[in-house]
C-alpha atoms as a PDB file:
ATOM      1  CA  MET A   1       0.000   0.000   0.000  1.00  0.00           C
ATOM      2  CA  GLY A   2       1.021   3.609  -0.520  1.00  0.00           C
ATOM      3  CA  ALA A   3       1.316   4.258   3.203  1.00  0.00           C
ATOM      4  CA  ARG A   4       4.041   1.640   3.460  1.00  0.00           C
ATOM      5  CA  SER A   5       6.353   3.481   1.127  1.00  0.00           C
ATOM      6  CA  ASN A   6       9.797   4.557   2.241  1.00  0.00           C
ATOM      7  CA  LEU A   7       8.717   8.126   2.927  1.00  0.00           C
ATOM      8  CA  ARG A   8       9.689   9.367   6.388  1.00  0.00           C
ATOM      9  CA  LEU A   9       6.810  10.817   8.365  1.00  0.00           C
ATOM     10  CA  LYS A  10       7.467  14.189   9.965  1.00  0.00           C
ATOM     11  CA  LYS A  11       6.507  14.409  13.624  1.00  0.00           C
ATOM     12  CA  PHE A  12       5.995  18.194  13.542  1.00  0.00           C
ATOM     13  CA  TYR A  13       3.200  17.760  10.969  1.00  0.00           C
ATOM     14  CA  GLY A  14       1.400  15.293  13.258  1.00  0.00           C
ATOM     15  CA  GLN A  15       1.303  12.689  10.497  1.00  0.00           C
ATOM     16  CA  HIS A  16      -0.382   9.342  11.174  1.00  0.00           C
ATOM     17  CA  LEU A  17      -1.364   7.618   7.935  1.00  0.00           C
ATOM     18  CA  LEU A  18      -4.616   5.682   7.903  1.00  0.00           C
ATOM     19  CA  VAL A  19      -3.851   2.259   6.386  1.00  0.00           C
ATOM     20  CA  SER A  20      -7.082   0.301   6.935  1.00  0.00           C
ATOM     21  CA  PRO A  21      -8.867  -0.301   3.590  1.00  0.00           C
ATOM     22  CA  GLY A  22     -12.164  -0.910   5.377  1.00  0.00           C
ATOM     23  CA  ILE A  23     -12.133   2.374   7.272  1.00  0.00           C
ATOM     24  CA  LEU A  24     -10.957   4.331   4.230  1.00  0.00           C
ATOM     25  CA  LYS A  25     -13.954   2.920   2.379  1.00  0.00           C
ATOM     26  CA  ARG A  26     -16.325   3.852   5.233  1.00  0.00           C
ATOM     27  CA  ILE A  27     -15.091   7.464   5.245  1.00  0.00           C
ATOM     28  CA  VAL A  28     -15.893   7.766   1.557  1.00  0.00           C
ATOM     29  CA  GLU A  29     -19.310   6.166   2.085  1.00  0.00           C
ATOM     30  CA  PHE A  30     -20.077   8.651   4.878  1.00  0.00           C
ATOM     31  CA  ALA A  31     -19.507  11.510   2.390  1.00  0.00           C
ATOM     32  CA  ARG A  32     -22.301  10.300   0.064  1.00  0.00           C
ATOM     33  CA  LEU A  33     -20.420  11.305  -3.059  1.00  0.00           C
ATOM     34  CA  ASN A  34     -22.040  11.724  -6.460  1.00  0.00           C
ATOM     35  CA  ALA A  35     -21.118  12.727 -10.013  1.00  0.00           C
ATOM     36  CA  GLU A  36     -21.586  16.466  -9.408  1.00  0.00           C
ATOM     37  CA  ASP A  37     -19.417  16.682  -6.299  1.00  0.00           C
ATOM     38  CA  VAL A  38     -16.316  18.820  -6.005  1.00  0.00           C
ATOM     39  CA  VAL A  39     -14.288  17.218  -3.216  1.00  0.00           C
ATOM     40  CA  VAL A  40     -11.449  18.715  -1.183  1.00  0.00           C
ATOM     41  CA  GLU A  41      -9.154  16.291   0.631  1.00  0.00           C
ATOM     42  CA  ILE A  42      -7.138  17.733   3.481  1.00  0.00           C
ATOM     43  CA  GLY A  43      -3.779  16.157   4.276  1.00  0.00           C
ATOM     44  CA  PRO A  44      -3.872  13.319   1.711  1.00  0.00           C
ATOM     45  CA  GLY A  45      -0.390  12.081   2.636  1.00  0.00           C
ATOM     46  CA  THR A  46       0.589   9.152   0.431  1.00  0.00           C
ATOM     47  CA  GLY A  47      -2.852   9.013  -1.167  1.00  0.00           C
ATOM     48  CA  ASN A  48      -4.615   6.091   0.507  1.00  0.00           C
ATOM     49  CA  LEU A  49      -7.900   7.982   0.961  1.00  0.00           C
ATOM     50  CA  THR A  50      -7.310   9.811  -2.332  1.00  0.00           C
ATOM     51  CA  LYS A  51      -7.375   6.525  -4.252  1.00  0.00           C
ATOM     52  CA  GLU A  52     -10.618   5.528  -2.524  1.00  0.00           C
ATOM     53  CA  ILE A  53     -12.259   8.869  -3.373  1.00  0.00           C
ATOM     54  CA  LEU A  54     -11.208   8.552  -7.019  1.00  0.00           C
ATOM     55  CA  LYS A  55     -13.116   5.278  -7.262  1.00  0.00           C
ATOM     56  CA  GLU A  56     -16.287   7.382  -6.998  1.00  0.00           C
ATOM     57  CA  PRO A  57     -17.826   9.201 -10.006  1.00  0.00           C
ATOM     58  CA  ILE A  58     -16.982  12.668  -8.671  1.00  0.00           C
ATOM     59  CA  LYS A  59     -16.436  15.817 -10.718  1.00  0.00           C
ATOM     60  CA  GLU A  60     -13.141  17.044  -9.188  1.00  0.00           C
ATOM     61  CA  LEU A  61     -10.776  16.233  -6.318  1.00  0.00           C
ATOM     62  CA  HIS A  62      -8.574  18.980  -4.871  1.00  0.00           C
ATOM     63  CA  CYS A  63      -5.839  17.732  -2.509  1.00  0.00           C
ATOM     64  CA  LEU A  64      -4.293  20.170  -0.011  1.00  0.00           C
ATOM     65  CA  GLU A  65      -0.927  18.893   1.278  1.00  0.00           C
ATOM     66  CA  ILE A  66       1.693  20.797   3.275  1.00  0.00           C
ATOM     67  CA  ASP A  67       4.508  18.224   2.934  1.00  0.00           C
ATOM     68  CA  LYS A  68       6.315  18.516  -0.410  1.00  0.00           C
ATOM     69  CA  ASP A  69       7.628  14.936  -0.118  1.00  0.00           C
ATOM     70  CA  MET A  70       4.064  13.652   0.091  1.00  0.00           C
ATOM     71  CA  ILE A  71       3.167  15.704  -2.973  1.00  0.00           C
ATOM     72  CA  GLU A  72       5.737  13.803  -5.026  1.00  0.00           C
ATOM     73  CA  GLU A  73       3.980  10.588  -3.970  1.00  0.00           C
ATOM     74  CA  LEU A  74       0.557  12.006  -4.873  1.00  0.00           C
ATOM     75  CA  LYS A  75       1.751  13.009  -8.331  1.00  0.00           C
ATOM     76  CA  LYS A  76       2.069   9.321  -9.165  1.00  0.00           C
ATOM     77  CA  LEU A  77      -1.736   9.098  -9.195  1.00  0.00           C
ATOM     78  CA  GLN A  78      -2.806   9.670 -12.763  1.00  0.00           C
ATOM     79  CA  ASP A  79      -6.347  11.033 -12.898  1.00  0.00           C
ATOM     80  CA  PRO A  80      -7.601  14.113 -14.815  1.00  0.00           C
ATOM     81  CA  ARG A  81      -9.986  14.980 -11.960  1.00  0.00           C
ATOM     82  CA  LEU A  82      -7.114  15.298  -9.466  1.00  0.00           C
ATOM     83  CA  LYS A  83      -5.511  18.650  -8.607  1.00  0.00           C
ATOM     84  CA  ILE A  84      -2.753  18.925  -5.993  1.00  0.00           C
ATOM     85  CA  TYR A  85      -1.864  22.032  -3.983  1.00  0.00           C
ATOM     86  CA  HIS A  86       1.233  22.526  -1.848  1.00  0.00           C
ATOM     87  CA  THR A  87      -0.406  24.555   0.913  1.00  0.00           C
ATOM     88  CA  ASP A  88      -1.366  24.750   4.580  1.00  0.00           C
ATOM     89  CA  ALA A  89      -5.031  23.663   4.830  1.00  0.00           C
ATOM     90  CA  SER A  90      -5.470  25.621   8.066  1.00  0.00           C
ATOM     91  CA  GLU A  91      -4.886  28.874   6.150  1.00  0.00           C
ATOM     92  CA  PHE A  92      -6.258  28.032   2.702  1.00  0.00           C
ATOM     93  CA  ASP A  93      -9.465  29.659   1.412  1.00  0.00           C
ATOM     94  CA  TYR A  94     -11.573  26.632   0.444  1.00  0.00           C
ATOM     95  CA  CYS A  95     -14.088  28.847  -1.344  1.00  0.00           C
ATOM     96  CA  LEU A  96     -11.526  29.394  -4.115  1.00  0.00           C
ATOM     97  CA  LEU A  97     -12.247  25.811  -5.211  1.00  0.00           C
ATOM     98  CA  GLY A  98     -16.037  25.967  -5.547  1.00  0.00           C
ATOM     99  CA  ASN A  99     -19.282  27.021  -3.915  1.00  0.00           C
ATOM    100  CA  SER A 100     -20.680  23.616  -2.883  1.00  0.00           C
ATOM    101  CA  LEU A 101     -17.749  21.603  -1.568  1.00  0.00           C
ATOM    102  CA  LYS A 102     -17.410  18.330   0.314  1.00  0.00           C
ATOM    103  CA  LEU A 103     -14.348  18.123   2.569  1.00  0.00           C
ATOM    104  CA  LEU A 104     -12.704  14.848   3.586  1.00  0.00           C
ATOM    105  CA  GLY A 105      -9.570  14.130   5.514  1.00  0.00           C
ATOM    106  CA  ASN A 106      -7.614  12.379   8.216  1.00  0.00           C
ATOM    107  CA  LEU A 107      -6.679  15.631   9.942  1.00  0.00           C
ATOM    108  CA  PRO A 108      -3.184  16.055  11.400  1.00  0.00           C
ATOM    109  CA  TYR A 109      -3.496  16.078  15.190  1.00  0.00           C
ATOM    110  CA  ASN A 110      -1.565  19.293  15.673  1.00  0.00           C
ATOM    111  CA  SER A 111      -3.679  21.368  13.283  1.00  0.00           C
ATOM    112  CA  ALA A 112      -7.134  19.734  13.441  1.00  0.00           C
ATOM    113  CA  SER A 113      -8.656  22.573  15.482  1.00  0.00           C
ATOM    114  CA  LEU A 114      -7.387  25.197  13.032  1.00  0.00           C
ATOM    115  CA  ILE A 115      -8.781  23.213  10.085  1.00  0.00           C
ATOM    116  CA  LEU A 116     -12.152  22.851  11.807  1.00  0.00           C
ATOM    117  CA  GLU A 117     -12.159  26.600  12.419  1.00  0.00           C
ATOM    118  CA  ARG A 118     -11.284  27.218   8.754  1.00  0.00           C
ATOM    119  CA  THR A 119     -14.159  24.916   7.743  1.00  0.00           C
ATOM    120  CA  VAL A 120     -16.608  27.051   9.721  1.00  0.00           C
ATOM    121  CA  LEU A 121     -15.181  30.260   8.261  1.00  0.00           C
ATOM    122  CA  SER A 122     -15.813  28.703   4.822  1.00  0.00           C
ATOM    123  CA  HIS A 123     -19.336  27.464   5.665  1.00  0.00           C
ATOM    124  CA  LYS A 124     -20.938  29.366   2.760  1.00  0.00           C
ATOM    125  CA  CYS A 125     -19.152  27.058   0.295  1.00  0.00           C
ATOM    126  CA  VAL A 126     -18.824  23.831   2.360  1.00  0.00           C
ATOM    127  CA  VAL A 127     -21.962  21.688   2.434  1.00  0.00           C
ATOM    128  CA  LEU A 128     -20.465  18.651   4.163  1.00  0.00           C
ATOM    129  CA  ALA A 129     -17.246  17.472   5.805  1.00  0.00           C
ATOM    130  CA  VAL A 130     -16.142  14.028   6.970  1.00  0.00           C
ATOM    131  CA  PHE A 131     -13.046  14.208   9.164  1.00  0.00           C
ATOM    132  CA  MET A 132     -10.907  11.868  11.221  1.00  0.00           C
ATOM    133  CA  VAL A 133      -9.826  13.573  14.463  1.00  0.00           C
ATOM    134  CA  GLN A 134      -8.765  12.581  17.972  1.00  0.00           C
ATOM    135  CA  LYS A 135     -11.635  10.897  19.800  1.00  0.00           C
ATOM    136  CA  GLU A 136     -11.485  13.472  22.608  1.00  0.00           C
ATOM    137  CA  VAL A 137     -11.760  16.315  20.085  1.00  0.00           C
ATOM    138  CA  ALA A 138     -14.705  14.584  18.380  1.00  0.00           C
ATOM    139  CA  GLN A 139     -16.587  14.136  21.654  1.00  0.00           C
ATOM    140  CA  LYS A 140     -16.116  17.772  22.651  1.00  0.00           C
ATOM    141  CA  LEU A 141     -17.275  18.931  19.238  1.00  0.00           C
ATOM    142  CA  VAL A 142     -20.440  16.856  19.251  1.00  0.00           C
ATOM    143  CA  LYS A 143     -21.302  17.873  22.828  1.00  0.00           C
ATOM    144  CA  GLY A 144     -20.392  21.525  22.251  1.00  0.00           C
ATOM    145  CA  LEU A 145     -18.156  21.635  25.343  1.00  0.00           C
ATOM    146  CA  SER A 146     -15.693  24.205  23.993  1.00  0.00           C
ATOM    147  CA  TRP A 147     -15.834  27.472  22.091  1.00  0.00           C
ATOM    148  CA  LEU A 148     -14.820  25.547  18.953  1.00  0.00           C
ATOM    149  CA  GLY A 149     -17.550  22.955  19.520  1.00  0.00           C
ATOM    150  CA  VAL A 150     -20.189  25.683  19.772  1.00  0.00           C
ATOM    151  CA  PHE A 151     -18.660  27.475  16.767  1.00  0.00           C
ATOM    152  CA  VAL A 152     -18.953  24.319  14.646  1.00  0.00           C
ATOM    153  CA  LYS A 153     -22.421  23.332  15.935  1.00  0.00           C
ATOM    154  CA  THR A 154     -23.814  26.779  15.158  1.00  0.00           C
ATOM    155  CA  PHE A 155     -23.222  26.321  11.429  1.00  0.00           C
ATOM    156  CA  PHE A 156     -23.149  22.509  11.037  1.00  0.00           C
ATOM    157  CA  GLU A 157     -25.062  19.495  12.305  1.00  0.00           C
ATOM    158  CA  THR A 158     -22.370  17.337  13.939  1.00  0.00           C
ATOM    159  CA  GLU A 159     -22.375  13.536  14.104  1.00  0.00           C
ATOM    160  CA  TYR A 160     -19.990  11.127  15.815  1.00  0.00           C
ATOM    161  CA  LEU A 161     -19.844   8.239  13.342  1.00  0.00           C
ATOM    162  CA  MET A 162     -17.251   5.741  14.569  1.00  0.00           C
ATOM    163  CA  THR A 163     -14.242   5.187  16.822  1.00  0.00           C
ATOM    164  CA  VAL A 164     -10.959   4.143  15.168  1.00  0.00           C
ATOM    165  CA  PRO A 165      -8.287   2.355  17.271  1.00  0.00           C
ATOM    166  CA  PRO A 166      -4.566   3.206  16.916  1.00  0.00           C
ATOM    167  CA  ARG A 167      -3.732  -0.075  15.160  1.00  0.00           C
ATOM    168  CA  PHE A 168      -5.271   1.176  11.918  1.00  0.00           C
ATOM    169  CA  PHE A 169      -2.619   3.901  11.551  1.00  0.00           C
ATOM    170  CA  LEU A 170       1.039   4.042  10.600  1.00  0.00           C
ATOM    171  CA  PRO A 171       2.632   4.863  12.985  1.00  0.00           C
ATOM    172  CA  PRO A 172      -0.029   4.028  15.611  1.00  0.00           C
ATOM    173  CA  PRO A 173      -0.925   7.174  17.615  1.00  0.00           C
ATOM    174  CA  LYS A 174      -1.069   7.109  21.416  1.00  0.00           C
ATOM    175  CA  VAL A 175      -4.761   8.049  21.395  1.00  0.00           C
ATOM    176  CA  GLN A 176      -7.956   6.755  19.815  1.00  0.00           C
ATOM    177  CA  SER A 177      -9.406   8.549  16.816  1.00  0.00           C
ATOM    178  CA  ALA A 178     -12.933   9.095  15.573  1.00  0.00           C
ATOM    179  CA  VAL A 179     -14.763   9.916  12.356  1.00  0.00           C
ATOM    180  CA  ILE A 180     -17.203  12.831  12.473  1.00  0.00           C
ATOM    181  CA  ARG A 181     -19.530  14.285   9.875  1.00  0.00           C
ATOM    182  CA  LEU A 182     -20.470  17.963   9.617  1.00  0.00           C
ATOM    183  CA  THR A 183     -23.547  18.805   7.545  1.00  0.00           C
ATOM    184  CA  ARG A 184     -24.244  22.481   6.911  1.00  0.00           C
ATOM    185  CA  LYS A 185     -27.419  23.816   8.479  1.00  0.00           C
ATOM    186  CA  GLU A 186     -30.000  25.172   6.070  1.00  0.00           C
ATOM    187  CA  PRO A 187     -30.761  27.975   6.106  1.00  0.00           C
ATOM    188  CA  THR A 188     -27.370  29.030   7.408  1.00  0.00           C
ATOM    189  CA  PRO A 189     -27.466  31.332  10.454  1.00  0.00           C
ATOM    190  CA  GLU A 190     -27.064  35.044   9.780  1.00  0.00           C
ATOM    191  CA  ILE A 191     -23.994  35.307  12.009  1.00  0.00           C
ATOM    192  CA  GLU A 192     -20.679  36.948  11.136  1.00  0.00           C
ATOM    193  CA  PRO A 193     -18.179  34.175  11.971  1.00  0.00           C
ATOM    194  CA  MET A 194     -15.214  36.254  13.159  1.00  0.00           C
ATOM    195  CA  GLU A 195     -17.335  38.425  15.485  1.00  0.00           C
ATOM    196  CA  TYR A 196     -19.018  35.300  16.796  1.00  0.00           C
ATOM    197  CA  LYS A 197     -15.669  33.581  17.360  1.00  0.00           C
ATOM    198  CA  ALA A 198     -14.453  36.573  19.417  1.00  0.00           C
ATOM    199  CA  PHE A 199     -17.631  36.426  21.508  1.00  0.00           C
ATOM    200  CA  LEU A 200     -17.304  32.657  22.084  1.00  0.00           C
ATOM    201  CA  THR A 201     -13.628  32.716  23.040  1.00  0.00           C
ATOM    202  CA  LYS A 202     -14.391  35.423  25.624  1.00  0.00           C
ATOM    203  CA  LEU A 203     -17.418  33.514  26.900  1.00  0.00           C
ATOM    204  CA  PHE A 204     -15.444  30.267  27.304  1.00  0.00           C
ATOM    205  CA  SER A 205     -12.449  31.914  28.978  1.00  0.00           C
ATOM    206  CA  LEU A 206     -12.368  31.247  32.716  1.00  0.00           C
ATOM    207  CA  ARG A 207     -15.066  28.658  32.053  1.00  0.00           C
ATOM    208  CA  ARG A 208     -15.330  27.593  35.707  1.00  0.00           C
ATOM    209  CA  LYS A 209     -16.527  31.042  36.757  1.00  0.00           C
ATOM    210  CA  ALA A 210     -20.164  32.111  36.895  1.00  0.00           C
ATOM    211  CA  LEU A 211     -21.481  34.088  33.915  1.00  0.00           C
ATOM    212  CA  LYS A 212     -21.898  37.185  36.120  1.00  0.00           C
ATOM    213  CA  ASN A 213     -18.092  37.417  36.203  1.00  0.00           C
ATOM    214  CA  LYS A 214     -17.874  37.613  32.380  1.00  0.00           C
ATOM    215  CA  LEU A 215     -20.984  39.356  31.119  1.00  0.00           C
ATOM    216  CA  PRO A 216     -22.970  42.442  32.192  1.00  0.00           C
ATOM    217  CA  GLY A 217     -25.837  41.679  34.555  1.00  0.00           C
ATOM    218  CA  GLU A 218     -28.255  43.620  32.345  1.00  0.00           C
ATOM    219  CA  LEU A 219     -27.366  41.420  29.358  1.00  0.00           C
ATOM    220  CA  LEU A 220     -27.996  38.244  31.365  1.00  0.00           C
ATOM    221  CA  ARG A 221     -31.303  39.634  32.659  1.00  0.00           C
ATOM    222  CA  ARG A 222     -32.474  40.501  29.124  1.00  0.00           C
ATOM    223  CA  ALA A 223     -31.502  37.004  28.003  1.00  0.00           C
ATOM    224  CA  SER A 224     -33.413  35.458  30.968  1.00  0.00           C
ATOM    225  CA  ILE A 225     -30.282  33.581  32.073  1.00  0.00           C
ATOM    226  CA  ASP A 226     -29.340  33.010  35.713  1.00  0.00           C
ATOM    227  CA  PRO A 227     -26.067  34.920  36.342  1.00  0.00           C
ATOM    228  CA  GLN A 228     -24.865  32.094  38.621  1.00  0.00           C
ATOM    229  CA  ARG A 229     -24.786  29.593  35.740  1.00  0.00           C
ATOM    230  CA  ARG A 230     -21.577  28.597  33.975  1.00  0.00           C
ATOM    231  CA  VAL A 231     -20.957  28.586  30.239  1.00  0.00           C
ATOM    232  CA  GLU A 232     -20.941  24.785  29.851  1.00  0.00           C
ATOM    233  CA  GLU A 233     -24.481  24.712  31.269  1.00  0.00           C
ATOM    234  CA  LEU A 234     -25.855  26.878  28.454  1.00  0.00           C
ATOM    235  CA  SER A 235     -27.680  25.489  25.428  1.00  0.00           C
ATOM    236  CA  LEU A 236     -26.694  26.474  21.901  1.00  0.00           C
ATOM    237  CA  GLU A 237     -29.861  28.585  21.679  1.00  0.00           C
ATOM    238  CA  GLU A 238     -29.005  30.453  24.899  1.00  0.00           C
ATOM    239  CA  ILE A 239     -25.478  31.188  23.686  1.00  0.00           C
ATOM    240  CA  GLN A 240     -26.811  32.572  20.408  1.00  0.00           C
ATOM    241  CA  ARG A 241     -29.386  34.656  22.312  1.00  0.00           C
ATOM    242  CA  LEU A 242     -26.594  36.179  24.383  1.00  0.00           C
ATOM    243  CA  TYR A 243     -24.584  36.886  21.250  1.00  0.00           C
ATOM    244  CA  PHE A 244     -27.390  38.691  19.435  1.00  0.00           C
ATOM    245  CA  LEU A 245     -28.381  40.688  22.537  1.00  0.00           C
ATOM    246  CA  SER A 246     -24.732  41.697  23.093  1.00  0.00           C
ATOM    247  CA  LYS A 247     -24.774  43.268  19.614  1.00  0.00           C
ATOM    248  CA  ALA A 248     -28.117  45.054  20.063  1.00  0.00           C
END
């Protein structure tokens, strides 16, 4: 398999290549690909998932890879639908590639949060994403127990699809992984993402403290929220109510 090539993995990129054919196939199935789809793969590495995606009758596949050595491996895949970019997926503007994208990827552990944030910032052109992340990250996202979890859940329906043990990777990571699916909410909320992110990061700072220590009492009263509550006790609807009232 491609993952067993002689390429050296670089620890600072957080590279753990998924080498299980069965799980690669499941990830593609979770994406529900069709002939009109423009797909973006993040961190394709040696191309194991790339090959599985190209078995589907998709329109285009754009691969974003930061490691130039991996790009040389990817170039061996001969397919007119495939386009390869040497770039950092945590900083790339996905909307340059289309207006109705599906994102797939086994996200590098050290940049998964930044890529998830970038996905939300690109929500107007991303309809669906299927990502492999650390299990702990997946659980927090689905439960909305962090500013990033709330950020994602505001714009996307989030699903925890399956747990993936370390033995399915090369090299095996020290933690379990999980596959999640993000499906864009329709209609999309009329929320400016960067303003909302600033609000959420402030709200989740000092998360153990009561809300009265972070927000004006008048704001909490108008939102009908007990000032003694803590941020992790709030529902998504209550957080959005606070956000909109803070802007009024």
